C-alpha atoms as a PDB file:
ATOM      1  CA  MET A   1       9.408 125.764  30.159  1.00  0.00           C
ATOM      2  CA  GLN A   2      10.663 128.541  32.364  1.00  0.00           C
ATOM      3  CA  THR A   3      10.976 126.221  35.390  1.00  0.00           C
ATOM      4  CA  ILE A   4      13.052 123.749  33.382  1.00  0.00           C
ATOM      5  CA  ALA A   5      15.402 126.559  32.350  1.00  0.00           C
ATOM      6  CA  GLN A   6      15.639 127.712  35.963  1.00  0.00           C
ATOM      7  CA  LEU A   7      16.313 124.148  37.096  1.00  0.00           C
ATOM      8  CA  ILE A   8      19.064 123.717  34.492  1.00  0.00           C
ATOM      9  CA  PHE A   9      20.552 127.074  35.496  1.00  0.00           C
ATOM     10  CA  ALA A  10      20.479 126.053  39.183  1.00  0.00           C
ATOM     11  CA  ILE A  11      22.168 122.736  38.393  1.00  0.00           C
ATOM     12  CA  ILE A  12      24.868 124.476  36.346  1.00  0.00           C
ATOM     13  CA  LEU A  13      25.366 126.986  39.161  1.00  0.00           C
ATOM     14  CA  VAL A  14      25.707 124.257  41.816  1.00  0.00           C
ATOM     15  CA  VAL A  15      28.091 122.220  39.650  1.00  0.00           C
ATOM     16  CA  GLY A  16      30.165 125.344  39.004  1.00  0.00           C
ATOM     17  CA  ILE A  17      30.388 126.217  42.697  1.00  0.00           C
ATOM     18  CA  VAL A  18      31.247 122.660  43.749  1.00  0.00           C
ATOM     19  CA  GLY A  19      33.787 122.396  40.928  1.00  0.00           C
ATOM     20  CA  GLY A  20      35.393 125.697  41.917  1.00  0.00           C
ATOM     21  CA  ILE A  21      35.683 124.634  45.551  1.00  0.00           C
ATOM     22  CA  THR A  22      37.120 121.273  44.517  1.00  0.00           C
ATOM     23  CA  ILE A  23      39.712 122.840  42.235  1.00  0.00           C
ATOM     24  CA  ASN A  24      40.669 125.346  44.939  1.00  0.00           C
ATOM     25  CA  ASN A  25      41.191 122.560  47.501  1.00  0.00           C
ATOM     26  CA  TYR A  26      43.151 120.515  44.974  1.00  0.00           C
ATOM     27  CA  ILE A  27      45.500 123.426  44.311  1.00  0.00           C
ATOM     28  CA  LYS A  28      46.006 123.936  48.066  1.00  0.00           C
ATOM     29  CA  LEU A  29      46.883 120.262  48.485  1.00  0.00           C
ATOM     30  CA  LEU A  30      49.333 120.403  45.587  1.00  0.00           C
ATOM     31  CA  ARG A  31      51.126 123.373  47.133  1.00  0.00           C
ATOM     32  CA  GLU A  32      51.278 121.719  50.557  1.00  0.00           C
ATOM     33  CA  ASN A  33      52.558 118.467  49.088  1.00  0.00           C
ATOM     34  CA  GLN A  34      55.162 120.249  46.988  1.00  0.00           C
ATOM     35  CA  GLY A  35      56.533 121.888  50.139  1.00  0.00           C
ATOM     36  CA  LYS A  36      56.629 118.525  51.884  1.00  0.00           C
ATOM     37  CA  ILE A  37      58.332 116.911  48.898  1.00  0.00           C
ATOM     38  CA  GLN A  38      61.032 119.584  48.822  1.00  0.00           C
ATOM     39  CA  SER A  39      61.582 119.169  52.557  1.00  0.00           C
ATOM     40  CA  LEU A  40      61.880 115.404  52.202  1.00  0.00           C
ATOM     41  CA  GLN A  41      64.251 115.744  49.249  1.00  0.00           C
ATOM     42  CA  GLY A  42      66.478 117.941  51.394  1.00  0.00           C
ATOM     43  CA  LYS A  43      66.478 115.338  54.145  1.00  0.00           C
ATOM     44  CA  VAL A  44      67.243 112.582  51.642  1.00  0.00           C
ATOM     45  CA  GLY A  45      70.181 114.602  50.318  1.00  0.00           C
ATOM     46  CA  GLU A  46      71.551 115.047  53.834  1.00  0.00           C
ATOM     47  CA  ARG A  47      71.171 111.346  54.561  1.00  0.00           C
ATOM     48  CA  GLU A  48      72.870 110.392  51.295  1.00  0.00           C
ATOM     49  CA  GLN A  49      75.839 112.579  52.258  1.00  0.00           C
ATOM     50  CA  ARG A  50      75.934 110.966  55.688  1.00  0.00           C
ATOM     51  CA  ILE A  51      75.807 107.496  54.139  1.00  0.00           C
ATOM     52  CA  ALA A  52      78.678 108.393  51.796  1.00  0.00           C
ATOM     53  CA  GLU A  53      80.745 109.578  54.776  1.00  0.00           C
ATOM     54  CA  LEU A  54      79.986 106.388  56.679  1.00  0.00           C
ATOM     55  CA  GLU A  55      80.911 104.249  53.673  1.00  0.00           C
ATOM     56  CA  LYS A  56      84.302 105.980  53.555  1.00  0.00           C
ATOM     57  CA  ARG A  57      84.821 105.323  57.260  1.00  0.00           C
ATOM     58  CA  ILE A  58      83.815 101.689  56.831  1.00  0.00           C
ATOM     59  CA  ALA A  59      86.333 101.291  54.012  1.00  0.00           C
ATOM     60  CA  VAL A  60      89.081 102.698  56.238  1.00  0.00           C
ATOM     61  CA  LEU A  61      88.096 100.421  59.116  1.00  0.00           C
ATOM     62  CA  GLU A  62      88.006  97.394  56.810  1.00  0.00           C
ATOM     63  CA  ARG A  63      91.542  98.178  55.672  1.00  0.00           C
ATOM     64  CA  ILE A  64      92.689  98.496  59.288  1.00  0.00           C
ATOM     65  CA  VAL A  65      91.031  95.233  60.318  1.00  0.00           C
ATOM     66  CA  THR A  66      92.378  93.394  57.285  1.00  0.00           C
ATOM     67  CA  ASP A  67      95.900  94.666  57.880  1.00  0.00           C
ATOM     68  CA  SER A  68      95.707  93.822  61.584  1.00  0.00           C
ATOM     69  CA  ARG A  69      94.345  90.354  60.843  1.00  0.00           C
ATOM     70  CA  TYR A  70      97.112  89.739  58.313  1.00  0.00           C
ATOM     71  CA  GLU A  71      99.719  90.804  60.855  1.00  0.00           C
ATOM     72  CA  LEU A  72      98.143  88.571  63.512  1.00  0.00           C
ATOM     73  CA  ASP A  73      98.126  85.623  61.113  1.00  0.00           C
ATOM     74  CA  GLN A  74     101.807  86.190  60.426  1.00  0.00           C
ATOM     75  CA  GLN A  75     102.568  86.381  64.151  1.00  0.00           C
ATOM     76  CA  PHE A  76     100.635  83.158  64.832  1.00  0.00           C
ATOM     77  CA  ASN A  77     102.460  81.419  61.998  1.00  0.00           C
ATOM     78  CA  GLU A  78     105.801  82.562  63.385  1.00  0.00           C
ATOM     79  CA  LEU A  79     104.839  81.361  66.863  1.00  0.00           C
ATOM     80  CA  ASP A  80     103.810  77.992  65.440  1.00  0.00           C
ATOM     81  CA  LYS A  81     107.148  77.681  63.673  1.00  0.00           C
ATOM     82  CA  THR A  82     109.123  78.539  66.804  1.00  0.00           C
ATOM     83  CA  GLY A  83     106.862  76.753  69.262  1.00  0.00           C
END
């Protein structure tokens, strides 16, 4: 009877130690991942700002190209009429 109690105690002790180590490692991983997530969120924010800036530049360039193309079309039409 005493050996069964000792065996049960040993099993509980081993499970407790393994569980404690597992929980400790899990908490370490959570902290590491949270730091990585915050770093990546910062990078995403920077890239979103950069994309917004580039979209503004693209809009300006599209206006320039459209205006230039319209002017060229008018000039070609005038040349066709005179030529």
